[in-house]
Amino acid sequence: MHKKKIKIFLGGYINYTNAQNLNCLALAKHLDSSRFTTYALSVYFSPKMKSQAILFNCFYPFRISSVLGFLWGVIKCDIAYFPKHRSHPNWIIYIAIFLGKKVFTTIENNMCDLEKESMLNSFGGKSNLVNYFQCIPNIFGITQYIIDNANCGVRLENKVLYLGVESDLYSQKVKKKLKSIVCIGNLNKRKRVWEFLELAKKFPNINFNIIGDGIDRKLLEDKATKNVTFLGHLNQQELASKFNEMDLNVLHSISEGFPKVILETAAAGIPSIVYSDYGASEWIVNNENGFVVNDFKQLTTTIKGLIDNDNSLLRNSEGAILMAKKFDWKIVIREWEKVICNLR
């Protein structure tokens, strides 16, 4: 007799590019299809995308159909995963609990630090944050740092649920000489892209590339030097192709979880420089598979060292590829399956 499959609703829009949606797309692909049936959402205003999941296609008006989509997923499933905390009304989760569905979520960013961009700010205060999460019985941080610093009234499981990377999408090309640096993300104040422009001024013989779009793009373009290129928003295939031309990734944000671009660039042999503010030492070994710095001066010194010493770039590029293999979805998914099968 065949064992009944577990039906899991992945509460993301898999054909619309952002971190949580791409993670849902990857989960639909990598969860063992002999054990799990997956359900997810798509949006009408983005190109259709192939997926192993059974899809609810949200239609116009989206504000109504998206709620219907979440209701559909909750009714269909045994287990509901809600990674997008501001994309559905709170009562959707209460209905899932009332219907006896097992519910879980992941925390992918800093929760409680008011001095940084955090979930506390996005929820409009501690009371709203706590009220939302109090009904979710299984809450997992994607890094140990997030778990250890969740001190604003929300209880997280003492178990890290790491995200993965689709390593096969990228060419594992070892970088040997620093000629081109990339910065990836939304062009807004929190991402501190203005620092990238300051770096470009200090190293006029290096090409600096900005991938992404946002409200500050025009302002940044007006201030940029000639060695800075704005590439706009790129899909995964375009990103993978462009990575062949890049040698180093720089993240200027000081408020992150486990930035997806670190794994994506690492899979292409591109090591990252990150700030130490959000626990990056948990996965980056400084000067072995990337660089963890404390301030802008140290960031500048690190880049100068890479220009002067090609062997350092080569070593860290090789280390970055090894790190990406460790976090490949084909490996990480095993822990997800264990967790899903043991939810309360």
C-alpha atoms as a PDB file:
ATOM      1  CA  MET A   1       0.000   0.000   0.000  1.00  0.00           C
ATOM      2  CA  HIS A   2       1.329   3.429  -0.949  1.00  0.00           C
ATOM      3  CA  LYS A   3       1.757   5.871   1.919  1.00  0.00           C
ATOM      4  CA  LYS A   4      -0.422   8.972   1.592  1.00  0.00           C
ATOM      5  CA  LYS A   5       1.493  12.019   0.380  1.00  0.00           C
ATOM      6  CA  ILE A   6       1.803  15.104   2.582  1.00  0.00           C
ATOM      7  CA  LYS A   7       0.105  18.078   0.954  1.00  0.00           C
ATOM      8  CA  ILE A   8       1.964  21.328   1.602  1.00  0.00           C
ATOM      9  CA  PHE A   9       0.903  24.846   0.631  1.00  0.00           C
ATOM     10  CA  LEU A  10       3.862  27.112  -0.169  1.00  0.00           C
ATOM     11  CA  GLY A  11       2.495  30.594   0.412  1.00  0.00           C
ATOM     12  CA  GLY A  12       4.407  32.480  -2.252  1.00  0.00           C
ATOM     13  CA  TYR A  13       3.929  33.721  -5.835  1.00  0.00           C
ATOM     14  CA  ILE A  14       6.419  31.544  -7.668  1.00  0.00           C
ATOM     15  CA  ASN A  15       6.439  33.496 -10.943  1.00  0.00           C
ATOM     16  CA  TYR A  16       7.168  36.867  -9.299  1.00  0.00           C
ATOM     17  CA  THR A  17      10.792  37.483  -8.387  1.00  0.00           C
ATOM     18  CA  ASN A  18      11.681  38.140  -4.780  1.00  0.00           C
ATOM     19  CA  ALA A  19      13.541  36.078  -2.190  1.00  0.00           C
ATOM     20  CA  GLN A  20      10.547  34.381  -0.530  1.00  0.00           C
ATOM     21  CA  ASN A  21       8.868  33.573  -3.844  1.00  0.00           C
ATOM     22  CA  LEU A  22      12.054  32.046  -5.259  1.00  0.00           C
ATOM     23  CA  ASN A  23      12.435  29.962  -2.113  1.00  0.00           C
ATOM     24  CA  CYS A  24       8.900  28.616  -2.585  1.00  0.00           C
ATOM     25  CA  LEU A  25       9.749  27.811  -6.206  1.00  0.00           C
ATOM     26  CA  ALA A  26      12.848  25.912  -5.041  1.00  0.00           C
ATOM     27  CA  LEU A  27      10.899  24.017  -2.369  1.00  0.00           C
ATOM     28  CA  ALA A  28       8.327  22.945  -4.946  1.00  0.00           C
ATOM     29  CA  LYS A  29      11.156  21.658  -7.123  1.00  0.00           C
ATOM     30  CA  HIS A  30      13.219  19.855  -4.481  1.00  0.00           C
ATOM     31  CA  LEU A  31      10.728  18.401  -1.996  1.00  0.00           C
ATOM     32  CA  ASP A  32      10.549  14.662  -2.656  1.00  0.00           C
ATOM     33  CA  SER A  33       7.616  14.259  -5.053  1.00  0.00           C
ATOM     34  CA  SER A  34       7.061  10.689  -3.872  1.00  0.00           C
ATOM     35  CA  ARG A  35       6.314  12.008  -0.370  1.00  0.00           C
ATOM     36  CA  PHE A  36       4.936  15.517  -0.911  1.00  0.00           C
ATOM     37  CA  THR A  37       2.331  17.216  -3.094  1.00  0.00           C
ATOM     38  CA  THR A  38       2.958  20.962  -3.296  1.00  0.00           C
ATOM     39  CA  TYR A  39       0.551  23.849  -3.872  1.00  0.00           C
ATOM     40  CA  ALA A  40       1.510  27.472  -4.542  1.00  0.00           C
ATOM     41  CA  LEU A  41       0.327  30.745  -6.094  1.00  0.00           C
ATOM     42  CA  SER A  42       1.159  32.663  -9.268  1.00  0.00           C
ATOM     43  CA  VAL A  43       0.321  36.194 -10.416  1.00  0.00           C
ATOM     44  CA  TYR A  44      -1.301  37.274 -13.667  1.00  0.00           C
ATOM     45  CA  PHE A  45       1.075  40.220 -14.204  1.00  0.00           C
ATOM     46  CA  SER A  46       4.284  38.141 -14.552  1.00  0.00           C
ATOM     47  CA  PRO A  47       5.256  35.533 -17.179  1.00  0.00           C
ATOM     48  CA  LYS A  48       4.144  31.994 -16.448  1.00  0.00           C
ATOM     49  CA  MET A  49       6.776  29.746 -14.942  1.00  0.00           C
ATOM     50  CA  LYS A  50       7.088  25.975 -14.892  1.00  0.00           C
ATOM     51  CA  SER A  51       6.746  24.442 -11.462  1.00  0.00           C
ATOM     52  CA  GLN A  52       6.150  21.067  -9.891  1.00  0.00           C
ATOM     53  CA  ALA A  53       3.546  22.722  -7.670  1.00  0.00           C
ATOM     54  CA  ILE A  54      -0.191  22.757  -8.357  1.00  0.00           C
ATOM     55  CA  LEU A  55      -0.935  26.445  -8.870  1.00  0.00           C
ATOM     56  CA  PHE A  56      -3.709  28.899  -8.108  1.00  0.00           C
ATOM     57  CA  ASN A  57      -3.357  31.663 -10.705  1.00  0.00           C
ATOM     58  CA  CYS A  58      -4.286  34.962  -9.085  1.00  0.00           C
ATOM     59  CA  PHE A  59      -6.291  37.173 -11.434  1.00  0.00           C
ATOM     60  CA  TYR A  60      -7.410  40.801 -11.590  1.00  0.00           C
ATOM     61  CA  PRO A  61      -8.293  42.333  -9.156  1.00  0.00           C
ATOM     62  CA  PHE A  62      -5.278  40.944  -7.351  1.00  0.00           C
ATOM     63  CA  ARG A  63      -6.306  42.258  -3.932  1.00  0.00           C
ATOM     64  CA  ILE A  64      -9.283  39.893  -3.973  1.00  0.00           C
ATOM     65  CA  SER A  65      -7.856  36.935  -5.875  1.00  0.00           C
ATOM     66  CA  SER A  66      -4.719  36.748  -3.699  1.00  0.00           C
ATOM     67  CA  VAL A  67      -6.884  36.237  -0.606  1.00  0.00           C
ATOM     68  CA  LEU A  68      -8.863  33.574  -2.463  1.00  0.00           C
ATOM     69  CA  GLY A  69      -5.567  31.958  -3.408  1.00  0.00           C
ATOM     70  CA  PHE A  70      -4.428  31.745   0.199  1.00  0.00           C
ATOM     71  CA  LEU A  71      -7.802  30.304   1.219  1.00  0.00           C
ATOM     72  CA  TRP A  72      -7.534  27.732  -1.581  1.00  0.00           C
ATOM     73  CA  GLY A  73      -4.064  26.718  -0.424  1.00  0.00           C
ATOM     74  CA  VAL A  74      -5.112  26.398   3.209  1.00  0.00           C
ATOM     75  CA  ILE A  75      -8.117  24.241   2.299  1.00  0.00           C
ATOM     76  CA  LYS A  76      -6.071  21.983   0.013  1.00  0.00           C
ATOM     77  CA  CYS A  77      -3.110  21.356   2.294  1.00  0.00           C
ATOM     78  CA  ASP A  78      -2.127  19.382   5.367  1.00  0.00           C
ATOM     79  CA  ILE A  79       0.687  21.838   6.114  1.00  0.00           C
ATOM     80  CA  ALA A  80       0.794  25.563   5.330  1.00  0.00           C
ATOM     81  CA  TYR A  81       4.046  27.532   4.975  1.00  0.00           C
ATOM     82  CA  PHE A  82       3.668  31.313   5.299  1.00  0.00           C
ATOM     83  CA  PRO A  83       6.997  33.028   4.453  1.00  0.00           C
ATOM     84  CA  LYS A  84       5.458  36.353   3.328  1.00  0.00           C
ATOM     85  CA  HIS A  85       4.216  37.893   6.552  1.00  0.00           C
ATOM     86  CA  ARG A  86       2.691  41.039   5.079  1.00  0.00           C
ATOM     87  CA  SER A  87       1.104  39.530   1.958  1.00  0.00           C
ATOM     88  CA  HIS A  88      -2.071  38.083   3.443  1.00  0.00           C
ATOM     89  CA  PRO A  89      -4.563  39.047   6.170  1.00  0.00           C
ATOM     90  CA  ASN A  90      -3.836  37.629   9.630  1.00  0.00           C
ATOM     91  CA  TRP A  91      -7.154  35.772   9.731  1.00  0.00           C
ATOM     92  CA  ILE A  92      -5.897  33.399   7.013  1.00  0.00           C
ATOM     93  CA  ILE A  93      -3.584  31.831   9.596  1.00  0.00           C
ATOM     94  CA  TYR A  94      -6.405  31.568  12.154  1.00  0.00           C
ATOM     95  CA  ILE A  95      -8.504  29.713   9.588  1.00  0.00           C
ATOM     96  CA  ALA A  96      -5.623  27.331   8.892  1.00  0.00           C
ATOM     97  CA  ILE A  97      -5.282  26.589  12.611  1.00  0.00           C
ATOM     98  CA  PHE A  98      -9.072  26.202  12.997  1.00  0.00           C
ATOM     99  CA  LEU A  99      -9.108  23.669  10.147  1.00  0.00           C
ATOM    100  CA  GLY A 100      -6.417  21.641  11.873  1.00  0.00           C
ATOM    101  CA  LYS A 101      -3.628  22.446   9.451  1.00  0.00           C
ATOM    102  CA  LYS A 102      -0.043  22.457  10.668  1.00  0.00           C
ATOM    103  CA  VAL A 103       1.448  25.897  10.140  1.00  0.00           C
ATOM    104  CA  PHE A 104       5.040  27.104  10.012  1.00  0.00           C
ATOM    105  CA  THR A 105       7.058  30.098   8.896  1.00  0.00           C
ATOM    106  CA  THR A 106      10.627  31.313   8.578  1.00  0.00           C
ATOM    107  CA  ILE A 107      12.189  34.538   9.820  1.00  0.00           C
ATOM    108  CA  GLU A 108      14.593  35.804   7.186  1.00  0.00           C
ATOM    109  CA  ASN A 109      15.644  39.142   8.634  1.00  0.00           C
ATOM    110  CA  ASN A 110      16.409  41.028  11.810  1.00  0.00           C
ATOM    111  CA  MET A 111      13.297  41.128  13.984  1.00  0.00           C
ATOM    112  CA  CYS A 112      13.749  43.550  16.811  1.00  0.00           C
ATOM    113  CA  ASP A 113      16.484  46.175  16.381  1.00  0.00           C
ATOM    114  CA  LEU A 114      14.775  49.566  16.140  1.00  0.00           C
ATOM    115  CA  GLU A 115      18.012  51.227  15.018  1.00  0.00           C
ATOM    116  CA  LYS A 116      18.009  49.133  11.831  1.00  0.00           C
ATOM    117  CA  GLU A 117      15.403  48.215   9.256  1.00  0.00           C
ATOM    118  CA  SER A 118      13.638  45.333  10.986  1.00  0.00           C
ATOM    119  CA  MET A 119      10.397  43.365  11.099  1.00  0.00           C
ATOM    120  CA  LEU A 120       9.436  45.363  14.168  1.00  0.00           C
ATOM    121  CA  ASN A 121       9.353  48.478  11.996  1.00  0.00           C
ATOM    122  CA  SER A 122       7.469  46.837   9.126  1.00  0.00           C
ATOM    123  CA  PHE A 123       4.727  45.635  11.507  1.00  0.00           C
ATOM    124  CA  GLY A 124       4.380  49.088  13.040  1.00  0.00           C
ATOM    125  CA  GLY A 125       5.453  48.110  16.541  1.00  0.00           C
ATOM    126  CA  LYS A 126       5.927  45.256  18.966  1.00  0.00           C
ATOM    127  CA  SER A 127       2.239  44.694  19.711  1.00  0.00           C
ATOM    128  CA  ASN A 128       1.343  44.053  16.046  1.00  0.00           C
ATOM    129  CA  LEU A 129       4.392  41.839  15.599  1.00  0.00           C
ATOM    130  CA  VAL A 130       3.631  39.677  18.628  1.00  0.00           C
ATOM    131  CA  ASN A 131      -0.080  39.423  17.794  1.00  0.00           C
ATOM    132  CA  TYR A 132       0.723  38.145  14.308  1.00  0.00           C
ATOM    133  CA  PHE A 133       3.225  35.484  15.347  1.00  0.00           C
ATOM    134  CA  GLN A 134       1.495  34.270  18.524  1.00  0.00           C
ATOM    135  CA  CYS A 135      -0.805  31.984  16.557  1.00  0.00           C
ATOM    136  CA  ILE A 136       1.996  30.334  14.534  1.00  0.00           C
ATOM    137  CA  PRO A 137       3.244  27.280  16.446  1.00  0.00           C
ATOM    138  CA  ASN A 138       6.405  26.659  14.392  1.00  0.00           C
ATOM    139  CA  ILE A 139       8.709  29.639  13.720  1.00  0.00           C
ATOM    140  CA  PHE A 140      12.227  29.043  12.385  1.00  0.00           C
ATOM    141  CA  GLY A 141      15.096  31.461  11.924  1.00  0.00           C
ATOM    142  CA  ILE A 142      17.237  31.052   8.816  1.00  0.00           C
ATOM    143  CA  THR A 143      20.421  31.746  10.828  1.00  0.00           C
ATOM    144  CA  GLN A 144      21.483  31.207  14.432  1.00  0.00           C
ATOM    145  CA  TYR A 145      22.073  34.953  14.736  1.00  0.00           C
ATOM    146  CA  ILE A 146      18.395  35.644  13.974  1.00  0.00           C
ATOM    147  CA  ILE A 147      17.328  33.085  16.598  1.00  0.00           C
ATOM    148  CA  ASP A 148      19.689  34.462  19.243  1.00  0.00           C
ATOM    149  CA  ASN A 149      18.549  38.056  18.669  1.00  0.00           C
ATOM    150  CA  ALA A 150      14.791  37.495  18.519  1.00  0.00           C
ATOM    151  CA  ASN A 151      14.180  39.223  21.845  1.00  0.00           C
ATOM    152  CA  CYS A 152      10.946  41.120  21.229  1.00  0.00           C
ATOM    153  CA  GLY A 153       8.346  38.654  22.475  1.00  0.00           C
ATOM    154  CA  VAL A 154       8.306  36.114  19.625  1.00  0.00           C
ATOM    155  CA  ARG A 155       9.503  32.597  20.395  1.00  0.00           C
ATOM    156  CA  LEU A 156      11.563  30.932  17.683  1.00  0.00           C
ATOM    157  CA  GLU A 157      12.458  27.261  17.479  1.00  0.00           C
ATOM    158  CA  ASN A 158      16.022  26.524  18.528  1.00  0.00           C
ATOM    159  CA  LYS A 159      16.654  25.037  15.107  1.00  0.00           C
ATOM    160  CA  VAL A 160      18.116  26.841  12.108  1.00  0.00           C
ATOM    161  CA  LEU A 161      16.314  26.224   8.835  1.00  0.00           C
ATOM    162  CA  TYR A 162      18.847  27.342   6.253  1.00  0.00           C
ATOM    163  CA  LEU A 163      17.852  28.482   2.791  1.00  0.00           C
ATOM    164  CA  GLY A 164      19.545  27.040  -0.270  1.00  0.00           C
ATOM    165  CA  VAL A 165      20.821  27.962  -3.701  1.00  0.00           C
ATOM    166  CA  GLU A 166      20.239  26.477  -7.153  1.00  0.00           C
ATOM    167  CA  SER A 167      23.946  25.873  -7.828  1.00  0.00           C
ATOM    168  CA  ASP A 168      23.284  24.291 -11.217  1.00  0.00           C
ATOM    169  CA  LEU A 169      22.106  27.630 -12.609  1.00  0.00           C
ATOM    170  CA  TYR A 170      25.574  29.152 -12.327  1.00  0.00           C
ATOM    171  CA  SER A 171      28.932  28.517 -13.977  1.00  0.00           C
ATOM    172  CA  GLN A 172      31.473  27.623 -11.303  1.00  0.00           C
ATOM    173  CA  LYS A 173      34.203  29.889 -12.622  1.00  0.00           C
ATOM    174  CA  VAL A 174      37.182  30.536 -10.331  1.00  0.00           C
ATOM    175  CA  LYS A 175      38.091  34.241 -10.281  1.00  0.00           C
ATOM    176  CA  LYS A 176      41.792  35.019 -10.669  1.00  0.00           C
ATOM    177  CA  LYS A 177      42.091  38.799 -11.006  1.00  0.00           C
ATOM    178  CA  LEU A 178      39.943  41.596  -9.619  1.00  0.00           C
ATOM    179  CA  LYS A 179      38.594  43.616 -12.532  1.00  0.00           C
ATOM    180  CA  SER A 180      34.876  43.924 -11.851  1.00  0.00           C
ATOM    181  CA  ILE A 181      32.852  44.367  -8.639  1.00  0.00           C
ATOM    182  CA  VAL A 182      29.093  43.931  -8.309  1.00  0.00           C
ATOM    183  CA  CYS A 183      26.445  45.179  -5.872  1.00  0.00           C
ATOM    184  CA  ILE A 184      23.001  43.532  -5.992  1.00  0.00           C
ATOM    185  CA  GLY A 185      19.769  44.658  -4.365  1.00  0.00           C
ATOM    186  CA  ASN A 186      17.005  47.210  -4.156  1.00  0.00           C
ATOM    187  CA  LEU A 187      18.219  50.744  -4.737  1.00  0.00           C
ATOM    188  CA  ASN A 188      16.900  52.248  -1.545  1.00  0.00           C
ATOM    189  CA  LYS A 189      18.315  53.847   1.573  1.00  0.00           C
ATOM    190  CA  ARG A 190      18.485  50.620   3.619  1.00  0.00           C
ATOM    191  CA  LYS A 191      20.807  48.934   1.112  1.00  0.00           C
ATOM    192  CA  ARG A 192      23.316  51.818   1.456  1.00  0.00           C
ATOM    193  CA  VAL A 193      24.246  51.703  -2.235  1.00  0.00           C
ATOM    194  CA  TRP A 194      25.696  55.196  -1.940  1.00  0.00           C
ATOM    195  CA  GLU A 195      28.708  53.530  -0.275  1.00  0.00           C
ATOM    196  CA  PHE A 196      29.259  51.572  -3.475  1.00  0.00           C
ATOM    197  CA  LEU A 197      29.602  54.846  -5.354  1.00  0.00           C
ATOM    198  CA  GLU A 198      32.202  55.999  -2.842  1.00  0.00           C
ATOM    199  CA  LEU A 199      34.144  52.778  -3.451  1.00  0.00           C
ATOM    200  CA  ALA A 200      34.034  53.385  -7.195  1.00  0.00           C
ATOM    201  CA  LYS A 201      35.661  56.786  -6.696  1.00  0.00           C
ATOM    202  CA  LYS A 202      38.533  55.176  -4.775  1.00  0.00           C
ATOM    203  CA  PHE A 203      39.208  52.528  -7.443  1.00  0.00           C
ATOM    204  CA  PRO A 204      38.776  54.215 -10.860  1.00  0.00           C
ATOM    205  CA  ASN A 205      40.469  51.322 -12.732  1.00  0.00           C
ATOM    206  CA  ILE A 206      37.904  48.759 -11.488  1.00  0.00           C
ATOM    207  CA  ASN A 207      34.490  48.298 -13.111  1.00  0.00           C
ATOM    208  CA  PHE A 208      31.601  48.679 -10.642  1.00  0.00           C
ATOM    209  CA  ASN A 209      28.217  47.166 -11.535  1.00  0.00           C
ATOM    210  CA  ILE A 210      24.884  47.710  -9.814  1.00  0.00           C
ATOM    211  CA  ILE A 211      22.158  45.101 -10.369  1.00  0.00           C
ATOM    212  CA  GLY A 212      18.693  46.051  -9.189  1.00  0.00           C
ATOM    213  CA  ASP A 213      16.219  48.884  -9.278  1.00  0.00           C
ATOM    214  CA  GLY A 214      14.435  51.129  -6.835  1.00  0.00           C
ATOM    215  CA  ILE A 215      13.287  54.581  -5.859  1.00  0.00           C
ATOM    216  CA  ASP A 216      16.824  55.971  -5.495  1.00  0.00           C
ATOM    217  CA  ARG A 217      18.158  54.854  -8.886  1.00  0.00           C
ATOM    218  CA  LYS A 218      18.007  58.265 -10.622  1.00  0.00           C
ATOM    219  CA  LEU A 219      19.682  59.968  -7.670  1.00  0.00           C
ATOM    220  CA  LEU A 220      22.434  57.339  -7.598  1.00  0.00           C
ATOM    221  CA  GLU A 221      22.982  57.544 -11.370  1.00  0.00           C
ATOM    222  CA  ASP A 222      23.447  61.307 -11.116  1.00  0.00           C
ATOM    223  CA  LYS A 223      26.182  60.859  -8.485  1.00  0.00           C
ATOM    224  CA  ALA A 224      27.968  57.893 -10.069  1.00  0.00           C
ATOM    225  CA  THR A 225      31.424  58.063 -11.658  1.00  0.00           C
ATOM    226  CA  LYS A 226      32.128  56.777 -15.188  1.00  0.00           C
ATOM    227  CA  ASN A 227      33.296  53.358 -13.944  1.00  0.00           C
ATOM    228  CA  VAL A 228      29.822  52.555 -12.533  1.00  0.00           C
ATOM    229  CA  THR A 229      27.259  50.707 -14.684  1.00  0.00           C
ATOM    230  CA  PHE A 230      23.590  50.356 -13.709  1.00  0.00           C
ATOM    231  CA  LEU A 231      22.242  47.070 -15.078  1.00  0.00           C
ATOM    232  CA  GLY A 232      18.704  47.286 -13.686  1.00  0.00           C
ATOM    233  CA  HIS A 233      16.610  44.306 -12.672  1.00  0.00           C
ATOM    234  CA  LEU A 234      17.765  40.918 -14.066  1.00  0.00           C
ATOM    235  CA  ASN A 235      15.982  37.578 -13.949  1.00  0.00           C
ATOM    236  CA  GLN A 236      17.791  34.455 -12.740  1.00  0.00           C
ATOM    237  CA  GLN A 237      19.045  33.462 -16.195  1.00  0.00           C
ATOM    238  CA  GLU A 238      20.320  36.980 -16.955  1.00  0.00           C
ATOM    239  CA  LEU A 239      21.917  37.135 -13.525  1.00  0.00           C
ATOM    240  CA  ALA A 240      23.740  33.838 -14.028  1.00  0.00           C
ATOM    241  CA  SER A 241      25.099  35.039 -17.364  1.00  0.00           C
ATOM    242  CA  LYS A 242      26.230  38.415 -16.018  1.00  0.00           C
ATOM    243  CA  PHE A 243      28.031  36.755 -13.090  1.00  0.00           C
ATOM    244  CA  ASN A 244      30.590  35.381 -15.565  1.00  0.00           C
ATOM    245  CA  GLU A 245      31.889  38.946 -15.890  1.00  0.00           C
ATOM    246  CA  MET A 246      32.069  39.694 -12.135  1.00  0.00           C
ATOM    247  CA  ASP A 247      34.860  38.936  -9.659  1.00  0.00           C
ATOM    248  CA  LEU A 248      33.663  40.240  -6.278  1.00  0.00           C
ATOM    249  CA  ASN A 249      30.310  40.939  -4.605  1.00  0.00           C
ATOM    250  CA  VAL A 250      29.927  43.753  -2.073  1.00  0.00           C
ATOM    251  CA  LEU A 251      26.987  44.000   0.347  1.00  0.00           C
ATOM    252  CA  HIS A 252      26.707  47.355   2.064  1.00  0.00           C
ATOM    253  CA  SER A 253      23.579  46.661   4.104  1.00  0.00           C
ATOM    254  CA  ILE A 254      23.986  46.335   7.876  1.00  0.00           C
ATOM    255  CA  SER A 255      20.586  44.696   8.402  1.00  0.00           C
ATOM    256  CA  GLU A 256      20.135  41.350   6.709  1.00  0.00           C
ATOM    257  CA  GLY A 257      19.290  37.724   7.393  1.00  0.00           C
ATOM    258  CA  PHE A 258      21.217  35.369   5.157  1.00  0.00           C
ATOM    259  CA  PRO A 259      21.347  37.352   1.896  1.00  0.00           C
ATOM    260  CA  LYS A 260      20.424  35.128  -1.038  1.00  0.00           C
ATOM    261  CA  VAL A 261      22.903  36.910  -3.306  1.00  0.00           C
ATOM    262  CA  ILE A 262      25.802  35.642  -1.183  1.00  0.00           C
ATOM    263  CA  LEU A 263      24.949  32.067  -2.148  1.00  0.00           C
ATOM    264  CA  GLU A 264      24.091  32.927  -5.752  1.00  0.00           C
ATOM    265  CA  THR A 265      27.361  34.747  -6.352  1.00  0.00           C
ATOM    266  CA  ALA A 266      29.301  32.083  -4.458  1.00  0.00           C
ATOM    267  CA  ALA A 267      27.869  29.425  -6.793  1.00  0.00           C
ATOM    268  CA  ALA A 268      29.432  31.413  -9.647  1.00  0.00           C
ATOM    269  CA  GLY A 269      32.793  31.587  -7.857  1.00  0.00           C
ATOM    270  CA  ILE A 270      32.298  35.180  -6.687  1.00  0.00           C
ATOM    271  CA  PRO A 271      33.243  35.764  -3.028  1.00  0.00           C
ATOM    272  CA  SER A 272      31.402  38.441  -1.037  1.00  0.00           C
ATOM    273  CA  ILE A 273      32.469  41.236   1.280  1.00  0.00           C
ATOM    274  CA  VAL A 274      29.866  41.783   4.013  1.00  0.00           C
ATOM    275  CA  TYR A 275      29.576  43.749   7.231  1.00  0.00           C
ATOM    276  CA  SER A 276      29.767  41.947  10.557  1.00  0.00           C
ATOM    277  CA  ASP A 277      26.537  43.466  11.943  1.00  0.00           C
ATOM    278  CA  TYR A 278      24.200  40.537  11.213  1.00  0.00           C
ATOM    279  CA  GLY A 279      26.216  37.430  12.054  1.00  0.00           C
ATOM    280  CA  ALA A 280      27.773  36.719   8.656  1.00  0.00           C
ATOM    281  CA  SER A 281      30.640  34.852  10.329  1.00  0.00           C
ATOM    282  CA  GLU A 282      28.147  32.014  10.810  1.00  0.00           C
ATOM    283  CA  TRP A 283      28.644  30.985   7.180  1.00  0.00           C
ATOM    284  CA  ILE A 284      31.581  33.072   5.892  1.00  0.00           C
ATOM    285  CA  VAL A 285      35.079  32.222   7.112  1.00  0.00           C
ATOM    286  CA  ASN A 286      36.969  35.491   6.705  1.00  0.00           C
ATOM    287  CA  ASN A 287      39.571  35.384   3.932  1.00  0.00           C
ATOM    288  CA  GLU A 288      38.743  31.745   3.122  1.00  0.00           C
ATOM    289  CA  ASN A 289      35.384  31.883   1.302  1.00  0.00           C
ATOM    290  CA  GLY A 290      34.615  35.597   1.587  1.00  0.00           C
ATOM    291  CA  PHE A 291      35.328  38.628   3.743  1.00  0.00           C
ATOM    292  CA  VAL A 292      33.694  39.995   6.896  1.00  0.00           C
ATOM    293  CA  VAL A 293      34.562  43.617   7.685  1.00  0.00           C
ATOM    294  CA  ASN A 294      33.627  46.017  10.469  1.00  0.00           C
ATOM    295  CA  ASP A 295      33.542  49.344   8.641  1.00  0.00           C
ATOM    296  CA  PHE A 296      34.015  51.126   5.332  1.00  0.00           C
ATOM    297  CA  LYS A 297      37.734  51.687   5.908  1.00  0.00           C
ATOM    298  CA  GLN A 298      38.285  47.958   6.387  1.00  0.00           C
ATOM    299  CA  LEU A 299      36.185  47.248   3.297  1.00  0.00           C
ATOM    300  CA  THR A 300      38.407  49.574   1.248  1.00  0.00           C
ATOM    301  CA  THR A 301      41.566  47.977   2.622  1.00  0.00           C
ATOM    302  CA  THR A 302      40.266  44.510   1.747  1.00  0.00           C
ATOM    303  CA  ILE A 303      39.626  45.492  -1.869  1.00  0.00           C
ATOM    304  CA  LYS A 304      43.064  47.044  -2.169  1.00  0.00           C
ATOM    305  CA  GLY A 305      44.558  43.805  -0.839  1.00  0.00           C
ATOM    306  CA  LEU A 306      42.696  41.792  -3.476  1.00  0.00           C
ATOM    307  CA  ILE A 307      43.987  44.067  -6.235  1.00  0.00           C
ATOM    308  CA  ASP A 308      47.548  43.645  -4.978  1.00  0.00           C
ATOM    309  CA  ASN A 309      47.303  39.883  -4.340  1.00  0.00           C
ATOM    310  CA  ASP A 310      45.619  37.735  -6.999  1.00  0.00           C
ATOM    311  CA  ASN A 311      46.175  34.583  -4.923  1.00  0.00           C
ATOM    312  CA  SER A 312      43.820  35.900  -2.241  1.00  0.00           C
ATOM    313  CA  LEU A 313      40.979  36.339  -4.740  1.00  0.00           C
ATOM    314  CA  LEU A 314      41.614  32.886  -6.224  1.00  0.00           C
ATOM    315  CA  ARG A 315      41.595  31.198  -2.788  1.00  0.00           C
ATOM    316  CA  ASN A 316      38.388  32.890  -1.712  1.00  0.00           C
ATOM    317  CA  SER A 317      36.731  32.202  -5.060  1.00  0.00           C
ATOM    318  CA  GLU A 318      37.437  28.489  -4.656  1.00  0.00           C
ATOM    319  CA  GLY A 319      36.178  28.664  -1.070  1.00  0.00           C
ATOM    320  CA  ALA A 320      32.986  30.419  -2.178  1.00  0.00           C
ATOM    321  CA  ILE A 321      32.202  27.598  -4.610  1.00  0.00           C
ATOM    322  CA  LEU A 322      32.630  25.047  -1.816  1.00  0.00           C
ATOM    323  CA  MET A 323      30.312  27.093   0.439  1.00  0.00           C
ATOM    324  CA  ALA A 324      27.631  27.210  -2.267  1.00  0.00           C
ATOM    325  CA  LYS A 325      27.822  23.433  -2.693  1.00  0.00           C
ATOM    326  CA  LYS A 326      27.226  23.035   1.043  1.00  0.00           C
ATOM    327  CA  PHE A 327      24.048  25.130   0.756  1.00  0.00           C
ATOM    328  CA  ASP A 328      22.782  23.607  -2.481  1.00  0.00           C
ATOM    329  CA  TRP A 329      19.017  23.041  -2.285  1.00  0.00           C
ATOM    330  CA  LYS A 330      19.555  19.359  -3.089  1.00  0.00           C
ATOM    331  CA  ILE A 331      21.358  19.073   0.264  1.00  0.00           C
ATOM    332  CA  VAL A 332      19.486  21.666   2.355  1.00  0.00           C
ATOM    333  CA  ILE A 333      16.098  20.187   1.411  1.00  0.00           C
ATOM    334  CA  ARG A 334      16.773  17.115   3.572  1.00  0.00           C
ATOM    335  CA  GLU A 335      16.571  19.232   6.738  1.00  0.00           C
ATOM    336  CA  TRP A 336      13.417  20.924   5.472  1.00  0.00           C
ATOM    337  CA  GLU A 337      11.774  17.545   4.924  1.00  0.00           C
ATOM    338  CA  LYS A 338      12.703  16.430   8.445  1.00  0.00           C
ATOM    339  CA  VAL A 339      11.301  19.621   9.929  1.00  0.00           C
ATOM    340  CA  ILE A 340       8.083  19.473   7.891  1.00  0.00           C
ATOM    341  CA  CYS A 341       7.438  15.887   8.957  1.00  0.00           C
ATOM    342  CA  ASN A 342       7.881  16.762  12.645  1.00  0.00           C
ATOM    343  CA  LEU A 343       5.830  19.954  12.946  1.00  0.00           C
ATOM    344  CA  ARG A 344       3.533  20.426  15.896  1.00  0.00           C
END
